[in-house]
Amino acid sequence: MWKRLSAKMEMIRRYFRYRCEYAMGFADRETVQRVELFLKDFNLVPEKRSVVTPAREAAGAAPAEARDYERGNEGIFCGAALELKDGTIITGSNLSLMHAVKHLAEIPDKIKLLPSHITDSVKNLKTEILDEKSASLDLEEALIAISISAANNPAAQLALEKLRELRDYEAHMTHIPTPGDETGLRRLGINLTTDPNFSTNDLFIK
């Protein structure tokens, strides 16, 4: 029974992967159609994956919940959902791994894992020195920043210790992640699927 369910979930994960690869030009339409037929033969729908609908709902709610100065990325709002081992699903406008880690470590939301002087330094490096367009930290950069913060921040140290527990967690994003986010998620062992949407109108990565 468990093996059968695992096989079905893997089939749905492949469906999302092939659709994203098709959107990025790495797969042909025939490959996507083949996996779509597999889903149909087994009476499966993508929404059977528990994190898909919550992520899409988060993306739909993001414009209404955004403050005046928050307009998404070029007007594009992303949604994400991460399912913890106890069945709790954490949603947000991005894949809020830090919220998940705080939940696991029982760290109150109001406690910051990253002080502003660290994030400001990284953002300054990206925009002023490396001449990057986005000042936002991707997951790999955020994890490195948290490891630096952990030297003087017990909460950040506790969060780092909980990162290992994220392995094999299920997650879904409504938009294709940046290379830095994707690499970080893969190294953490998180099973990520995404809808075949781009999170920016600029498809050229510097």
C-alpha atoms as a PDB file:
ATOM      1  CA  MET A   1       0.000   0.000   0.000  1.00  0.00           C
ATOM      2  CA  TRP A   2       2.759   2.457   0.998  1.00  0.00           C
ATOM      3  CA  LYS A   3       4.881   1.520  -2.028  1.00  0.00           C
ATOM      4  CA  ARG A   4       1.897   2.036  -4.326  1.00  0.00           C
ATOM      5  CA  LEU A   5       1.234   5.498  -2.855  1.00  0.00           C
ATOM      6  CA  SER A   6       4.916   6.426  -3.139  1.00  0.00           C
ATOM      7  CA  ALA A   7       4.907   5.378  -6.794  1.00  0.00           C
ATOM      8  CA  LYS A   8       1.865   7.542  -7.494  1.00  0.00           C
ATOM      9  CA  MET A   9       3.407  10.549  -5.776  1.00  0.00           C
ATOM     10  CA  GLU A  10       6.605  10.064  -7.774  1.00  0.00           C
ATOM     11  CA  MET A  11       4.531  10.023 -10.950  1.00  0.00           C
ATOM     12  CA  ILE A  12       2.990  13.388 -10.009  1.00  0.00           C
ATOM     13  CA  ARG A  13       6.420  14.827  -9.183  1.00  0.00           C
ATOM     14  CA  ARG A  14       7.654  13.762 -12.623  1.00  0.00           C
ATOM     15  CA  TYR A  15       4.620  15.382 -14.198  1.00  0.00           C
ATOM     16  CA  PHE A  16       5.581  18.738 -12.673  1.00  0.00           C
ATOM     17  CA  ARG A  17       9.264  18.274 -13.503  1.00  0.00           C
ATOM     18  CA  TYR A  18       8.615  17.525 -17.175  1.00  0.00           C
ATOM     19  CA  ARG A  19       6.221  20.447 -17.515  1.00  0.00           C
ATOM     20  CA  CYS A  20       8.865  22.802 -16.112  1.00  0.00           C
ATOM     21  CA  GLU A  21      11.540  21.313 -18.355  1.00  0.00           C
ATOM     22  CA  TYR A  22       9.220  21.826 -21.322  1.00  0.00           C
ATOM     23  CA  ALA A  23       8.648  25.471 -20.338  1.00  0.00           C
ATOM     24  CA  MET A  24      12.422  25.988 -20.150  1.00  0.00           C
ATOM     25  CA  GLY A  25      13.046  24.217 -23.452  1.00  0.00           C
ATOM     26  CA  PHE A  26      14.707  21.102 -21.966  1.00  0.00           C
ATOM     27  CA  ALA A  27      11.960  18.607 -22.897  1.00  0.00           C
ATOM     28  CA  ASP A  28       9.562  18.138 -25.790  1.00  0.00           C
ATOM     29  CA  ARG A  29       5.787  18.185 -25.751  1.00  0.00           C
ATOM     30  CA  GLU A  30       5.635  14.434 -26.358  1.00  0.00           C
ATOM     31  CA  THR A  31       7.352  13.768 -23.024  1.00  0.00           C
ATOM     32  CA  VAL A  32       4.793  15.898 -21.202  1.00  0.00           C
ATOM     33  CA  GLN A  33       1.883  14.213 -22.990  1.00  0.00           C
ATOM     34  CA  ARG A  34       3.241  10.787 -22.082  1.00  0.00           C
ATOM     35  CA  VAL A  35       3.301  11.539 -18.353  1.00  0.00           C
ATOM     36  CA  GLU A  36      -0.140  13.161 -18.608  1.00  0.00           C
ATOM     37  CA  LEU A  37      -1.454   9.868 -20.017  1.00  0.00           C
ATOM     38  CA  PHE A  38       0.114   7.985 -17.102  1.00  0.00           C
ATOM     39  CA  LEU A  39      -1.747  10.201 -14.643  1.00  0.00           C
ATOM     40  CA  LYS A  40      -4.987   9.673 -16.526  1.00  0.00           C
ATOM     41  CA  ASP A  41      -4.517   5.886 -16.594  1.00  0.00           C
ATOM     42  CA  PHE A  42      -4.086   5.835 -12.808  1.00  0.00           C
ATOM     43  CA  ASN A  43      -6.896   8.357 -12.175  1.00  0.00           C
ATOM     44  CA  LEU A  44      -4.443  10.830 -10.661  1.00  0.00           C
ATOM     45  CA  VAL A  45      -4.605  14.614 -10.650  1.00  0.00           C
ATOM     46  CA  PRO A  46      -1.693  16.949  -9.793  1.00  0.00           C
ATOM     47  CA  GLU A  47      -3.686  18.353  -6.863  1.00  0.00           C
ATOM     48  CA  LYS A  48      -3.463  14.938  -5.197  1.00  0.00           C
ATOM     49  CA  ARG A  49      -0.087  16.178  -4.003  1.00  0.00           C
ATOM     50  CA  SER A  50      -1.011  17.814  -0.700  1.00  0.00           C
ATOM     51  CA  VAL A  51       1.138  20.943  -1.068  1.00  0.00           C
ATOM     52  CA  VAL A  52      -0.076  21.966  -4.543  1.00  0.00           C
ATOM     53  CA  THR A  53      -3.427  23.571  -3.713  1.00  0.00           C
ATOM     54  CA  PRO A  54      -2.163  25.458  -0.597  1.00  0.00           C
ATOM     55  CA  ALA A  55       0.690  26.934  -2.655  1.00  0.00           C
ATOM     56  CA  ARG A  56      -1.678  28.100  -5.377  1.00  0.00           C
ATOM     57  CA  GLU A  57      -4.058  29.560  -2.808  1.00  0.00           C
ATOM     58  CA  ALA A  58      -1.130  31.452  -1.233  1.00  0.00           C
ATOM     59  CA  ALA A  59      -0.242  32.921  -4.631  1.00  0.00           C
ATOM     60  CA  GLY A  60      -3.864  33.959  -5.186  1.00  0.00           C
ATOM     61  CA  ALA A  61      -4.063  35.659  -1.797  1.00  0.00           C
ATOM     62  CA  ALA A  62      -0.701  37.438  -2.084  1.00  0.00           C
ATOM     63  CA  PRO A  63      -1.849  40.523  -4.097  1.00  0.00           C
ATOM     64  CA  ALA A  64      -4.660  41.305  -1.660  1.00  0.00           C
ATOM     65  CA  GLU A  65      -2.411  40.860   1.382  1.00  0.00           C
ATOM     66  CA  ALA A  66       0.540  42.841   0.013  1.00  0.00           C
ATOM     67  CA  ARG A  67       1.272  46.263   1.486  1.00  0.00           C
ATOM     68  CA  ASP A  68       1.444  49.309  -0.752  1.00  0.00           C
ATOM     69  CA  TYR A  69       5.208  48.971  -1.148  1.00  0.00           C
ATOM     70  CA  GLU A  70       5.023  45.234  -1.912  1.00  0.00           C
ATOM     71  CA  ARG A  71       4.108  44.600  -5.529  1.00  0.00           C
ATOM     72  CA  GLY A  72       5.603  41.176  -5.964  1.00  0.00           C
ATOM     73  CA  ASN A  73       8.432  40.712  -8.427  1.00  0.00           C
ATOM     74  CA  GLU A  74       7.532  42.934 -11.409  1.00  0.00           C
ATOM     75  CA  GLY A  75       3.880  42.448 -10.477  1.00  0.00           C
ATOM     76  CA  ILE A  76       4.257  38.658 -10.286  1.00  0.00           C
ATOM     77  CA  PHE A  77       3.226  37.020  -7.012  1.00  0.00           C
ATOM     78  CA  CYS A  78       4.510  33.555  -6.129  1.00  0.00           C
ATOM     79  CA  GLY A  79       3.018  31.083  -3.709  1.00  0.00           C
ATOM     80  CA  ALA A  80       4.658  28.210  -1.856  1.00  0.00           C
ATOM     81  CA  ALA A  81       3.749  25.470   0.588  1.00  0.00           C
ATOM     82  CA  LEU A  82       5.875  23.156   2.714  1.00  0.00           C
ATOM     83  CA  GLU A  83       4.461  20.125   4.532  1.00  0.00           C
ATOM     84  CA  LEU A  84       6.050  19.145   7.832  1.00  0.00           C
ATOM     85  CA  LYS A  85       6.218  15.563   9.067  1.00  0.00           C
ATOM     86  CA  ASP A  86       3.299  16.173  11.454  1.00  0.00           C
ATOM     87  CA  GLY A  87       1.079  17.186   8.530  1.00  0.00           C
ATOM     88  CA  THR A  88       1.291  20.918   9.201  1.00  0.00           C
ATOM     89  CA  ILE A  89       1.453  22.889   5.959  1.00  0.00           C
ATOM     90  CA  ILE A  90       3.232  26.237   6.014  1.00  0.00           C
ATOM     91  CA  THR A  91       2.408  28.633   3.194  1.00  0.00           C
ATOM     92  CA  GLY A  92       3.668  31.987   2.048  1.00  0.00           C
ATOM     93  CA  SER A  93       4.565  34.167  -0.909  1.00  0.00           C
ATOM     94  CA  ASN A  94       7.821  32.211  -1.140  1.00  0.00           C
ATOM     95  CA  LEU A  95       9.165  28.975   0.263  1.00  0.00           C
ATOM     96  CA  SER A  96       9.491  30.120   3.877  1.00  0.00           C
ATOM     97  CA  LEU A  97      11.947  27.547   5.139  1.00  0.00           C
ATOM     98  CA  MET A  98      12.840  29.772   8.056  1.00  0.00           C
ATOM     99  CA  HIS A  99       9.222  29.739   9.205  1.00  0.00           C
ATOM    100  CA  ALA A 100       9.314  25.955   9.041  1.00  0.00           C
ATOM    101  CA  VAL A 101      12.574  25.813  10.980  1.00  0.00           C
ATOM    102  CA  LYS A 102      11.185  28.203  13.604  1.00  0.00           C
ATOM    103  CA  HIS A 103       8.155  25.927  13.938  1.00  0.00           C
ATOM    104  CA  LEU A 104      10.380  22.875  14.453  1.00  0.00           C
ATOM    105  CA  ALA A 105      12.640  24.686  16.914  1.00  0.00           C
ATOM    106  CA  GLU A 106       9.705  26.372  18.686  1.00  0.00           C
ATOM    107  CA  ILE A 107      11.236  29.789  18.062  1.00  0.00           C
ATOM    108  CA  PRO A 108       8.688  32.657  18.252  1.00  0.00           C
ATOM    109  CA  ASP A 109       8.028  34.382  14.918  1.00  0.00           C
ATOM    110  CA  LYS A 110       9.047  37.771  16.302  1.00  0.00           C
ATOM    111  CA  ILE A 111      12.628  36.584  16.900  1.00  0.00           C
ATOM    112  CA  LYS A 112      14.860  37.381  13.917  1.00  0.00           C
ATOM    113  CA  LEU A 113      17.341  34.805  12.724  1.00  0.00           C
ATOM    114  CA  LEU A 114      19.132  37.346  10.557  1.00  0.00           C
ATOM    115  CA  PRO A 115      20.017  40.787  11.946  1.00  0.00           C
ATOM    116  CA  SER A 116      19.647  43.663   9.514  1.00  0.00           C
ATOM    117  CA  HIS A 117      23.378  44.483   9.444  1.00  0.00           C
ATOM    118  CA  ILE A 118      24.107  41.061   7.898  1.00  0.00           C
ATOM    119  CA  THR A 119      21.325  41.157   5.311  1.00  0.00           C
ATOM    120  CA  ASP A 120      22.189  44.748   4.425  1.00  0.00           C
ATOM    121  CA  SER A 121      25.831  43.791   3.864  1.00  0.00           C
ATOM    122  CA  VAL A 122      24.886  40.927   1.551  1.00  0.00           C
ATOM    123  CA  LYS A 123      22.407  43.083  -0.364  1.00  0.00           C
ATOM    124  CA  ASN A 124      25.018  45.807  -0.767  1.00  0.00           C
ATOM    125  CA  LEU A 125      27.503  43.251  -2.108  1.00  0.00           C
ATOM    126  CA  LYS A 126      24.976  41.995  -4.664  1.00  0.00           C
ATOM    127  CA  THR A 127      23.763  45.357  -5.952  1.00  0.00           C
ATOM    128  CA  GLU A 128      26.706  47.724  -5.485  1.00  0.00           C
ATOM    129  CA  ILE A 129      29.652  45.414  -6.146  1.00  0.00           C
ATOM    130  CA  LEU A 130      28.360  42.466  -8.165  1.00  0.00           C
ATOM    131  CA  ASP A 131      25.905  44.707 -10.043  1.00  0.00           C
ATOM    132  CA  GLU A 132      22.981  42.308  -9.689  1.00  0.00           C
ATOM    133  CA  LYS A 133      19.452  43.556 -10.274  1.00  0.00           C
ATOM    134  CA  SER A 134      17.842  41.789  -7.320  1.00  0.00           C
ATOM    135  CA  ALA A 135      18.841  42.545  -3.737  1.00  0.00           C
ATOM    136  CA  SER A 136      16.842  39.615  -2.368  1.00  0.00           C
ATOM    137  CA  LEU A 137      18.772  36.759  -0.845  1.00  0.00           C
ATOM    138  CA  ASP A 138      18.254  33.362  -2.452  1.00  0.00           C
ATOM    139  CA  LEU A 139      18.177  30.269  -0.247  1.00  0.00           C
ATOM    140  CA  GLU A 140      21.871  29.458  -0.521  1.00  0.00           C
ATOM    141  CA  GLU A 141      22.794  33.030   0.407  1.00  0.00           C
ATOM    142  CA  ALA A 142      20.302  33.070   3.288  1.00  0.00           C
ATOM    143  CA  LEU A 143      21.704  29.816   4.707  1.00  0.00           C
ATOM    144  CA  ILE A 144      25.253  31.178   4.594  1.00  0.00           C
ATOM    145  CA  ALA A 145      24.088  34.394   6.268  1.00  0.00           C
ATOM    146  CA  ILE A 146      22.332  32.416   9.014  1.00  0.00           C
ATOM    147  CA  SER A 147      25.469  30.366   9.640  1.00  0.00           C
ATOM    148  CA  ILE A 148      27.353  33.644  10.179  1.00  0.00           C
ATOM    149  CA  SER A 149      24.601  34.959  12.442  1.00  0.00           C
ATOM    150  CA  ALA A 150      24.695  31.733  14.489  1.00  0.00           C
ATOM    151  CA  ALA A 151      28.072  32.708  15.970  1.00  0.00           C
ATOM    152  CA  ASN A 152      26.361  35.364  18.098  1.00  0.00           C
ATOM    153  CA  ASN A 153      22.700  34.388  17.851  1.00  0.00           C
ATOM    154  CA  PRO A 154      21.520  31.282  19.785  1.00  0.00           C
ATOM    155  CA  ALA A 155      18.224  31.252  17.867  1.00  0.00           C
ATOM    156  CA  ALA A 156      20.066  31.108  14.542  1.00  0.00           C
ATOM    157  CA  GLN A 157      22.259  28.287  15.871  1.00  0.00           C
ATOM    158  CA  LEU A 158      19.170  26.335  16.933  1.00  0.00           C
ATOM    159  CA  ALA A 159      17.620  26.924  13.508  1.00  0.00           C
ATOM    160  CA  LEU A 160      20.739  25.570  11.788  1.00  0.00           C
ATOM    161  CA  GLU A 161      20.531  22.397  13.854  1.00  0.00           C
ATOM    162  CA  LYS A 162      16.932  21.883  12.703  1.00  0.00           C
ATOM    163  CA  LEU A 163      17.749  22.178   8.995  1.00  0.00           C
ATOM    164  CA  ARG A 164      18.669  18.488   8.851  1.00  0.00           C
ATOM    165  CA  GLU A 165      15.102  17.592   9.777  1.00  0.00           C
ATOM    166  CA  LEU A 166      13.810  19.117   6.530  1.00  0.00           C
ATOM    167  CA  ARG A 167      15.154  16.212   4.476  1.00  0.00           C
ATOM    168  CA  ASP A 168      12.398  14.422   2.522  1.00  0.00           C
ATOM    169  CA  TYR A 169       9.835  17.138   3.303  1.00  0.00           C
ATOM    170  CA  GLU A 170       7.372  17.883   0.504  1.00  0.00           C
ATOM    171  CA  ALA A 171       7.115  21.364  -1.030  1.00  0.00           C
ATOM    172  CA  HIS A 172       5.491  23.073  -3.994  1.00  0.00           C
ATOM    173  CA  MET A 173       5.988  26.485  -5.582  1.00  0.00           C
ATOM    174  CA  THR A 174       3.766  28.176  -8.158  1.00  0.00           C
ATOM    175  CA  HIS A 175       6.807  29.527 -10.009  1.00  0.00           C
ATOM    176  CA  ILE A 176      10.143  28.077 -11.110  1.00  0.00           C
ATOM    177  CA  PRO A 177      12.750  28.884  -8.419  1.00  0.00           C
ATOM    178  CA  THR A 178      15.988  30.768  -8.999  1.00  0.00           C
ATOM    179  CA  PRO A 179      19.119  28.619  -9.426  1.00  0.00           C
ATOM    180  CA  GLY A 180      20.247  29.584  -5.908  1.00  0.00           C
ATOM    181  CA  ASP A 181      16.919  28.553  -4.373  1.00  0.00           C
ATOM    182  CA  GLU A 182      16.783  25.310  -6.332  1.00  0.00           C
ATOM    183  CA  THR A 183      20.340  24.338  -5.379  1.00  0.00           C
ATOM    184  CA  GLY A 184      19.721  25.075  -1.713  1.00  0.00           C
ATOM    185  CA  LEU A 185      16.510  23.046  -1.649  1.00  0.00           C
ATOM    186  CA  ARG A 186      18.156  20.103  -3.381  1.00  0.00           C
ATOM    187  CA  ARG A 187      21.058  20.084  -0.919  1.00  0.00           C
ATOM    188  CA  LEU A 188      18.620  20.135   1.983  1.00  0.00           C
ATOM    189  CA  GLY A 189      16.902  17.078   0.490  1.00  0.00           C
ATOM    190  CA  ILE A 190      13.480  18.707   0.078  1.00  0.00           C
ATOM    191  CA  ASN A 191      11.170  17.157  -2.539  1.00  0.00           C
ATOM    192  CA  LEU A 192      10.171  20.233  -4.521  1.00  0.00           C
ATOM    193  CA  THR A 193       7.703  20.509  -7.375  1.00  0.00           C
ATOM    194  CA  THR A 194       6.752  23.697  -9.196  1.00  0.00           C
ATOM    195  CA  ASP A 195       4.215  24.932 -11.676  1.00  0.00           C
ATOM    196  CA  PRO A 196       5.753  25.878 -15.059  1.00  0.00           C
ATOM    197  CA  ASN A 197       5.605  29.637 -14.468  1.00  0.00           C
ATOM    198  CA  PHE A 198       8.507  32.079 -14.442  1.00  0.00           C
ATOM    199  CA  SER A 199       8.885  34.404 -11.440  1.00  0.00           C
ATOM    200  CA  THR A 200      10.174  37.269 -13.578  1.00  0.00           C
ATOM    201  CA  ASN A 201       9.564  38.792 -16.966  1.00  0.00           C
ATOM    202  CA  ASP A 202      13.324  38.954 -17.494  1.00  0.00           C
ATOM    203  CA  LEU A 203      14.352  35.454 -18.532  1.00  0.00           C
ATOM    204  CA  PHE A 204      18.039  36.290 -18.864  1.00  0.00           C
ATOM    205  CA  ILE A 205      20.083  35.510 -15.751  1.00  0.00           C
ATOM    206  CA  LYS A 206      23.199  37.599 -15.219  1.00  0.00           C
END
